[in-house]
Amino acid sequence: MDLALPLDQMSVEEKLRAIERLWEDLAKVPANVPSPSWHRDVLDARDKRHASGQEGSIPWDKAKEEIRRRKP
């Protein structure tokens, strides 16, 4: 299947919505999405920083809102 998206005609918001839709579909079967070996190391390091209070977090919905508010 050859898929061509009019990326040059899409707004940033439209592109982000497309990414979200793709990820939602991929996330239906997480086992089908390969993860590189280095990714586990990065996640472990972030977990340690979060657990020690060195790094915080915000809910994903709030993060998306903040991203959308940014001006290009």
Protein backbone atom coordinates (compact mmCIF):
# COMPACT_ATOMS: atom_id res chain seq x y z
CA MET A 1 0.00 0.00 0.00
CA ASP A 2 1.44 3.33 -1.06
CA LEU A 3 0.23 6.10 1.23
CA ALA A 4 0.82 9.71 0.33
CA LEU A 5 -0.16 12.43 2.77
CA PRO A 6 -0.28 16.10 1.75
CA LEU A 7 2.19 17.01 4.50
CA ASP A 8 3.10 20.33 2.91
CA GLN A 9 -0.59 21.29 3.02
CA MET A 10 -1.28 20.11 6.57
CA SER A 11 -1.13 22.36 9.63
CA VAL A 12 0.94 21.36 12.65
CA GLU A 13 -2.28 20.53 14.49
CA GLU A 14 -3.43 18.26 11.65
CA LYS A 15 -0.05 16.51 11.59
CA LEU A 16 -0.16 15.94 15.36
CA ARG A 17 -3.68 14.52 15.10
CA ALA A 18 -2.49 12.18 12.34
CA ILE A 19 0.40 11.03 14.54
CA GLU A 20 -2.00 10.46 17.44
CA ARG A 21 -4.33 8.38 15.27
CA LEU A 22 -1.43 6.29 13.98
CA TRP A 23 -0.10 5.72 17.49
CA GLU A 24 -3.55 4.79 18.82
CA ASP A 25 -3.83 2.18 16.08
CA LEU A 26 -0.32 0.82 16.68
CA ALA A 27 -0.94 0.70 20.42
CA LYS A 28 -3.83 -1.72 19.94
CA VAL A 29 -1.26 -4.53 19.71
CA PRO A 30 1.87 -3.33 21.54
CA ALA A 31 3.72 -6.59 20.88
CA ASN A 32 3.76 -5.70 17.17
CA VAL A 33 5.69 -2.47 17.80
CA PRO A 34 9.40 -3.26 18.17
CA SER A 35 11.42 -1.25 20.64
CA PRO A 36 15.18 -0.77 20.26
CA SER A 37 17.30 -2.22 23.05
CA TRP A 38 18.65 1.19 24.12
CA HIS A 39 15.09 2.35 24.82
CA ARG A 40 14.84 0.18 27.97
CA ASP A 41 18.01 1.84 29.32
CA VAL A 42 16.55 5.32 28.75
CA LEU A 43 13.25 4.37 30.41
CA ASP A 44 15.03 2.84 33.40
CA ALA A 45 17.14 5.98 33.87
CA ARG A 46 14.04 8.19 33.69
CA ASP A 47 12.22 5.96 36.20
CA LYS A 48 15.13 6.33 38.62
CA ARG A 49 15.18 10.14 38.24
CA HIS A 50 11.40 10.29 38.73
CA ALA A 51 11.48 8.02 41.79
CA SER A 52 14.22 10.14 43.37
CA GLY A 53 12.30 13.37 42.74
CA GLN A 54 14.83 14.70 40.23
CA GLU A 55 12.29 14.58 37.39
CA GLY A 56 8.57 15.31 37.42
CA SER A 57 5.75 14.45 35.09
CA ILE A 58 2.43 15.80 33.86
CA PRO A 59 -0.62 13.99 32.46
CA TRP A 60 -0.42 13.24 28.73
CA ASP A 61 -3.55 15.29 27.94
CA LYS A 62 -2.00 18.34 29.59
CA ALA A 63 1.29 17.79 27.74
CA LYS A 64 -0.58 17.67 24.42
CA GLU A 65 -2.38 20.92 25.26
CA GLU A 66 0.94 22.60 26.04
CA ILE A 67 2.45 21.36 22.77
CA ARG A 68 -0.51 22.65 20.79
CA ARG A 69 -0.26 26.08 22.44
CA ARG A 70 3.33 26.53 21.37
CA LYS A 71 3.83 28.77 18.40
CA PRO A 72 6.04 27.47 15.58
